[in-house]
Amino acid sequence: MRRLVVGITGATGVAYAVRLLSVLKDRDDVETHLIISSAGILNLQHELDITRQDLLDMADHAYSVKDVGATIASGAFATHGMVIVPCSMRTLAAVAHGLSDNLITRAADVTLKERRRLVMVVRETPFNLAHLRNMTAVTEMGGVIFPPLPAFYQRPESIEDMVNHTVARILDLVDIKVEGASWEGL
């Protein structure tokens, strides 16, 4: 059983997180551990008309963002990695500077210190210099910065197609294989 921590912040793009959790819900080889910020809950309601409880029901385990003493805040709790999707620039900055001020940023810090895979699906454009420097810092620490850019070579016919492909690529980065992550060529 692989444990995957999923953090959801207040950046736009919560559809990626919902799809990721729905893909993993029916798998018996992955156990999800969910943390959602209060701004993430607002976006969930605004962007998708989904309630907090609907989202919590998609995860195997859920934690309060304020619970910095949760098991996932310890390196002794072995995980396969962590995905922050979507990832706000505030969360990126906190991780880049080691500010473990909530459970999302603490779990990310633990993921990096334990040399586990951290994928941050950053949502903000255009990037300013602070964003770029924070992305560089996280990359130098071993994290992966993944802006969710659509892949048009897949010839998507809908937003759902683009979300599905992005989620497949995100999961591929944490070595969880799902259909649709790779390009088969011409």
C-alpha atoms as a PDB file:
ATOM      1  CA  MET A   1       0.000   0.000   0.000  1.00  0.00           C
ATOM      2  CA  ARG A   2       1.403   3.378  -1.036  1.00  0.00           C
ATOM      3  CA  ARG A   3       0.405   6.401   1.017  1.00  0.00           C
ATOM      4  CA  LEU A   4       0.022   9.668  -0.882  1.00  0.00           C
ATOM      5  CA  VAL A   5      -0.482  12.977   0.896  1.00  0.00           C
ATOM      6  CA  VAL A   6      -2.671  15.402  -1.069  1.00  0.00           C
ATOM      7  CA  GLY A   7      -2.728  19.074  -0.134  1.00  0.00           C
ATOM      8  CA  ILE A   8      -5.278  21.470  -1.611  1.00  0.00           C
ATOM      9  CA  THR A   9      -4.697  25.217  -1.284  1.00  0.00           C
ATOM     10  CA  GLY A  10      -6.626  28.308  -2.328  1.00  0.00           C
ATOM     11  CA  ALA A  11      -5.280  28.603  -5.855  1.00  0.00           C
ATOM     12  CA  THR A  12      -7.671  28.122  -8.738  1.00  0.00           C
ATOM     13  CA  GLY A  13      -7.779  24.673 -10.304  1.00  0.00           C
ATOM     14  CA  VAL A  14      -9.342  22.501  -7.630  1.00  0.00           C
ATOM     15  CA  ALA A  15     -10.744  20.336 -10.453  1.00  0.00           C
ATOM     16  CA  TYR A  16      -7.290  18.759 -10.688  1.00  0.00           C
ATOM     17  CA  ALA A  17      -7.424  17.697  -7.044  1.00  0.00           C
ATOM     18  CA  VAL A  18     -10.960  16.354  -7.291  1.00  0.00           C
ATOM     19  CA  ARG A  19     -10.065  14.300 -10.360  1.00  0.00           C
ATOM     20  CA  LEU A  20      -6.871  13.030  -8.745  1.00  0.00           C
ATOM     21  CA  LEU A  21      -8.767  11.868  -5.664  1.00  0.00           C
ATOM     22  CA  SER A  22     -11.499  10.267  -7.769  1.00  0.00           C
ATOM     23  CA  VAL A  23      -8.913   8.346  -9.823  1.00  0.00           C
ATOM     24  CA  LEU A  24      -7.263   7.045  -6.660  1.00  0.00           C
ATOM     25  CA  LYS A  25     -10.474   6.330  -4.730  1.00  0.00           C
ATOM     26  CA  ASP A  26     -11.082   2.986  -6.412  1.00  0.00           C
ATOM     27  CA  ARG A  27      -7.483   1.785  -6.268  1.00  0.00           C
ATOM     28  CA  ASP A  28      -6.548  -0.661  -3.574  1.00  0.00           C
ATOM     29  CA  ASP A  29      -2.811   0.039  -3.875  1.00  0.00           C
ATOM     30  CA  VAL A  30      -2.921   3.741  -2.896  1.00  0.00           C
ATOM     31  CA  GLU A  31      -4.085   5.277   0.382  1.00  0.00           C
ATOM     32  CA  THR A  32      -4.815   9.024   0.250  1.00  0.00           C
ATOM     33  CA  HIS A  33      -4.223  11.469   3.102  1.00  0.00           C
ATOM     34  CA  LEU A  34      -5.988  14.776   2.420  1.00  0.00           C
ATOM     35  CA  ILE A  35      -5.434  18.277   3.791  1.00  0.00           C
ATOM     36  CA  ILE A  36      -7.415  21.234   2.464  1.00  0.00           C
ATOM     37  CA  SER A  37      -6.945  24.871   3.425  1.00  0.00           C
ATOM     38  CA  SER A  38      -9.878  27.168   4.177  1.00  0.00           C
ATOM     39  CA  ALA A  39      -9.243  29.023   0.894  1.00  0.00           C
ATOM     40  CA  GLY A  40      -9.201  25.650  -0.857  1.00  0.00           C
ATOM     41  CA  ILE A  41     -12.678  24.944   0.524  1.00  0.00           C
ATOM     42  CA  LEU A  42     -13.895  28.287  -0.829  1.00  0.00           C
ATOM     43  CA  ASN A  43     -12.560  27.457  -4.283  1.00  0.00           C
ATOM     44  CA  LEU A  44     -14.107  24.000  -4.118  1.00  0.00           C
ATOM     45  CA  GLN A  45     -17.521  25.556  -3.604  1.00  0.00           C
ATOM     46  CA  HIS A  46     -16.983  28.410  -6.063  1.00  0.00           C
ATOM     47  CA  GLU A  47     -15.417  26.457  -8.932  1.00  0.00           C
ATOM     48  CA  LEU A  48     -17.216  23.106  -8.696  1.00  0.00           C
ATOM     49  CA  ASP A  49     -20.233  23.419  -6.387  1.00  0.00           C
ATOM     50  CA  ILE A  50     -18.833  20.548  -4.334  1.00  0.00           C
ATOM     51  CA  THR A  51     -19.045  20.570  -0.565  1.00  0.00           C
ATOM     52  CA  ARG A  52     -16.166  20.016   1.812  1.00  0.00           C
ATOM     53  CA  GLN A  53     -17.770  16.760   2.928  1.00  0.00           C
ATOM     54  CA  ASP A  54     -18.065  15.520  -0.675  1.00  0.00           C
ATOM     55  CA  LEU A  55     -14.312  16.020  -1.023  1.00  0.00           C
ATOM     56  CA  LEU A  56     -13.466  14.445   2.335  1.00  0.00           C
ATOM     57  CA  ASP A  57     -15.476  11.384   1.319  1.00  0.00           C
ATOM     58  CA  MET A  58     -13.144  10.921  -1.659  1.00  0.00           C
ATOM     59  CA  ALA A  59     -10.065  10.511   0.561  1.00  0.00           C
ATOM     60  CA  ASP A  60      -9.090   7.587   2.752  1.00  0.00           C
ATOM     61  CA  HIS A  61      -7.982   9.928   5.544  1.00  0.00           C
ATOM     62  CA  ALA A  62      -8.471  13.672   6.064  1.00  0.00           C
ATOM     63  CA  TYR A  63      -6.840  16.125   8.441  1.00  0.00           C
ATOM     64  CA  SER A  64      -7.420  19.663   9.604  1.00  0.00           C
ATOM     65  CA  VAL A  65      -4.955  22.128   8.114  1.00  0.00           C
ATOM     66  CA  LYS A  66      -4.391  23.359  11.681  1.00  0.00           C
ATOM     67  CA  ASP A  67      -3.397  19.931  13.028  1.00  0.00           C
ATOM     68  CA  VAL A  68       0.400  20.238  12.787  1.00  0.00           C
ATOM     69  CA  GLY A  69       0.653  17.296  15.195  1.00  0.00           C
ATOM     70  CA  ALA A  70      -1.062  14.852  12.802  1.00  0.00           C
ATOM     71  CA  THR A  71       0.750  11.634  11.906  1.00  0.00           C
ATOM     72  CA  ILE A  72       1.589  12.944   8.413  1.00  0.00           C
ATOM     73  CA  ALA A  73       3.603  15.746  10.049  1.00  0.00           C
ATOM     74  CA  SER A  74       6.217  13.196  11.107  1.00  0.00           C
ATOM     75  CA  GLY A  75       8.964  11.685   9.001  1.00  0.00           C
ATOM     76  CA  ALA A  76       8.337   8.423  10.856  1.00  0.00           C
ATOM     77  CA  PHE A  77       5.028   8.146   8.998  1.00  0.00           C
ATOM     78  CA  ALA A  78       6.231   6.629   5.731  1.00  0.00           C
ATOM     79  CA  THR A  79       4.569   7.988   2.602  1.00  0.00           C
ATOM     80  CA  HIS A  80       5.156   7.542  -1.103  1.00  0.00           C
ATOM     81  CA  GLY A  81       5.172  11.314  -1.513  1.00  0.00           C
ATOM     82  CA  MET A  82       2.994  14.389  -1.594  1.00  0.00           C
ATOM     83  CA  VAL A  83       1.119  16.373  -4.214  1.00  0.00           C
ATOM     84  CA  ILE A  84      -0.076  19.921  -3.574  1.00  0.00           C
ATOM     85  CA  VAL A  85      -2.774  20.517  -6.153  1.00  0.00           C
ATOM     86  CA  PRO A  86      -3.516  23.302  -6.749  1.00  0.00           C
ATOM     87  CA  CYS A  87      -0.630  25.059  -5.049  1.00  0.00           C
ATOM     88  CA  SER A  88      -0.917  28.746  -4.219  1.00  0.00           C
ATOM     89  CA  MET A  89       2.068  31.059  -4.394  1.00  0.00           C
ATOM     90  CA  ARG A  90       1.723  31.559  -0.631  1.00  0.00           C
ATOM     91  CA  THR A  91       2.147  27.832  -0.034  1.00  0.00           C
ATOM     92  CA  LEU A  92       5.030  27.674  -2.506  1.00  0.00           C
ATOM     93  CA  ALA A  93       6.759  30.527  -0.644  1.00  0.00           C
ATOM     94  CA  ALA A  94       6.207  28.889   2.743  1.00  0.00           C
ATOM     95  CA  VAL A  95       7.686  25.595   1.549  1.00  0.00           C
ATOM     96  CA  ALA A  96      10.595  27.341  -0.203  1.00  0.00           C
ATOM     97  CA  HIS A  97      11.499  29.090   3.053  1.00  0.00           C
ATOM     98  CA  GLY A  98      10.807  26.221   5.452  1.00  0.00           C
ATOM     99  CA  LEU A  99       7.814  27.872   7.123  1.00  0.00           C
ATOM    100  CA  SER A 100       5.873  24.917   8.478  1.00  0.00           C
ATOM    101  CA  ASP A 101       3.001  27.028   9.758  1.00  0.00           C
ATOM    102  CA  ASN A 102       0.149  24.665   8.859  1.00  0.00           C
ATOM    103  CA  LEU A 103      -0.230  20.963   8.117  1.00  0.00           C
ATOM    104  CA  ILE A 104       0.135  21.379   4.344  1.00  0.00           C
ATOM    105  CA  THR A 105       3.455  23.205   4.606  1.00  0.00           C
ATOM    106  CA  ARG A 106       4.648  20.947   7.465  1.00  0.00           C
ATOM    107  CA  ALA A 107       3.839  17.778   5.492  1.00  0.00           C
ATOM    108  CA  ALA A 108       5.648  19.256   2.469  1.00  0.00           C
ATOM    109  CA  ASP A 109       8.674  20.052   4.631  1.00  0.00           C
ATOM    110  CA  VAL A 110       8.681  16.481   5.983  1.00  0.00           C
ATOM    111  CA  THR A 111       8.373  15.108   2.442  1.00  0.00           C
ATOM    112  CA  LEU A 112      11.434  17.075   1.353  1.00  0.00           C
ATOM    113  CA  LYS A 113      13.532  16.301   4.441  1.00  0.00           C
ATOM    114  CA  GLU A 114      12.804  12.589   4.062  1.00  0.00           C
ATOM    115  CA  ARG A 115      13.812  12.803   0.374  1.00  0.00           C
ATOM    116  CA  ARG A 116      10.375  11.738  -0.815  1.00  0.00           C
ATOM    117  CA  ARG A 117       8.730  13.084  -3.970  1.00  0.00           C
ATOM    118  CA  LEU A 118       6.936  16.426  -3.613  1.00  0.00           C
ATOM    119  CA  VAL A 119       4.974  17.702  -6.623  1.00  0.00           C
ATOM    120  CA  MET A 120       3.652  21.257  -6.428  1.00  0.00           C
ATOM    121  CA  VAL A 121       1.013  22.083  -9.050  1.00  0.00           C
ATOM    122  CA  VAL A 122       1.496  25.845  -9.008  1.00  0.00           C
ATOM    123  CA  ARG A 123      -1.329  28.067 -10.225  1.00  0.00           C
ATOM    124  CA  GLU A 124      -0.468  31.676 -10.974  1.00  0.00           C
ATOM    125  CA  THR A 125       0.451  33.550 -14.124  1.00  0.00           C
ATOM    126  CA  PRO A 126       2.392  35.462 -15.005  1.00  0.00           C
ATOM    127  CA  PHE A 127       5.175  34.574 -12.583  1.00  0.00           C
ATOM    128  CA  ASN A 128       7.020  37.367 -10.825  1.00  0.00           C
ATOM    129  CA  LEU A 129      10.631  37.131  -9.672  1.00  0.00           C
ATOM    130  CA  ALA A 130       9.656  35.992  -6.159  1.00  0.00           C
ATOM    131  CA  HIS A 131       7.603  33.127  -7.647  1.00  0.00           C
ATOM    132  CA  LEU A 132      10.484  32.050  -9.862  1.00  0.00           C
ATOM    133  CA  ARG A 133      13.005  32.187  -7.017  1.00  0.00           C
ATOM    134  CA  ASN A 134      10.699  30.173  -4.770  1.00  0.00           C
ATOM    135  CA  MET A 135      10.244  27.591  -7.529  1.00  0.00           C
ATOM    136  CA  THR A 136      14.007  27.393  -7.903  1.00  0.00           C
ATOM    137  CA  ALA A 137      14.462  26.937  -4.146  1.00  0.00           C
ATOM    138  CA  VAL A 138      11.933  24.092  -3.998  1.00  0.00           C
ATOM    139  CA  THR A 139      13.501  22.458  -7.064  1.00  0.00           C
ATOM    140  CA  GLU A 140      16.950  22.675  -5.469  1.00  0.00           C
ATOM    141  CA  MET A 141      15.496  20.916  -2.402  1.00  0.00           C
ATOM    142  CA  GLY A 142      14.246  18.066  -4.586  1.00  0.00           C
ATOM    143  CA  GLY A 143      10.658  19.145  -5.202  1.00  0.00           C
ATOM    144  CA  VAL A 144       8.990  19.137  -8.610  1.00  0.00           C
ATOM    145  CA  ILE A 145       7.252  22.273  -9.864  1.00  0.00           C
ATOM    146  CA  PHE A 146       4.411  21.332 -12.193  1.00  0.00           C
ATOM    147  CA  PRO A 147       2.342  24.149 -13.716  1.00  0.00           C
ATOM    148  CA  PRO A 148      -0.755  22.426 -15.145  1.00  0.00           C
ATOM    149  CA  LEU A 149      -0.256  23.401 -18.776  1.00  0.00           C
ATOM    150  CA  PRO A 150      -2.539  21.703 -21.295  1.00  0.00           C
ATOM    151  CA  ALA A 151      -0.997  19.268 -23.759  1.00  0.00           C
ATOM    152  CA  PHE A 152      -2.625  19.940 -27.098  1.00  0.00           C
ATOM    153  CA  TYR A 153      -0.826  17.041 -28.802  1.00  0.00           C
ATOM    154  CA  GLN A 154      -3.386  14.859 -27.028  1.00  0.00           C
ATOM    155  CA  ARG A 155      -6.064  16.656 -29.072  1.00  0.00           C
ATOM    156  CA  PRO A 156      -8.343  17.262 -26.105  1.00  0.00           C
ATOM    157  CA  GLU A 157     -12.016  17.637 -26.904  1.00  0.00           C
ATOM    158  CA  SER A 158     -13.011  19.047 -23.521  1.00  0.00           C
ATOM    159  CA  ILE A 159     -11.737  20.602 -20.315  1.00  0.00           C
ATOM    160  CA  GLU A 160     -12.254  17.188 -18.743  1.00  0.00           C
ATOM    161  CA  ASP A 161      -9.807  15.676 -21.255  1.00  0.00           C
ATOM    162  CA  MET A 162      -7.202  18.299 -20.326  1.00  0.00           C
ATOM    163  CA  VAL A 163      -7.737  17.756 -16.586  1.00  0.00           C
ATOM    164  CA  ASN A 164      -7.511  13.974 -16.992  1.00  0.00           C
ATOM    165  CA  HIS A 165      -4.222  14.200 -18.898  1.00  0.00           C
ATOM    166  CA  THR A 166      -2.717  16.607 -16.360  1.00  0.00           C
ATOM    167  CA  VAL A 167      -3.748  14.376 -13.452  1.00  0.00           C
ATOM    168  CA  ALA A 168      -2.253  11.346 -15.189  1.00  0.00           C
ATOM    169  CA  ARG A 169       1.030  13.242 -15.589  1.00  0.00           C
ATOM    170  CA  ILE A 170       0.996  14.367 -11.935  1.00  0.00           C
ATOM    171  CA  LEU A 171       0.441  10.806 -10.737  1.00  0.00           C
ATOM    172  CA  ASP A 172       3.164   9.563 -13.069  1.00  0.00           C
ATOM    173  CA  LEU A 173       5.584  11.892 -11.265  1.00  0.00           C
ATOM    174  CA  VAL A 174       4.876  10.081  -7.983  1.00  0.00           C
ATOM    175  CA  ASP A 175       5.185   6.710  -9.730  1.00  0.00           C
ATOM    176  CA  ILE A 176       1.468   5.944  -9.726  1.00  0.00           C
ATOM    177  CA  LYS A 177       0.587   4.759 -13.201  1.00  0.00           C
ATOM    178  CA  VAL A 178      -2.763   5.578 -14.785  1.00  0.00           C
ATOM    179  CA  GLU A 179      -3.847   5.587 -18.396  1.00  0.00           C
ATOM    180  CA  GLY A 180      -3.185   8.659 -20.512  1.00  0.00           C
ATOM    181  CA  ALA A 181       0.050   9.987 -18.994  1.00  0.00           C
ATOM    182  CA  SER A 182       2.342   9.520 -21.955  1.00  0.00           C
ATOM    183  CA  TRP A 183       2.393  10.522 -25.571  1.00  0.00           C
ATOM    184  CA  GLU A 184       2.324   7.633 -27.997  1.00  0.00           C
ATOM    185  CA  GLY A 185       3.820   9.644 -30.868  1.00  0.00           C
ATOM    186  CA  LEU A 186       2.546  10.202 -34.369  1.00  0.00           C
END
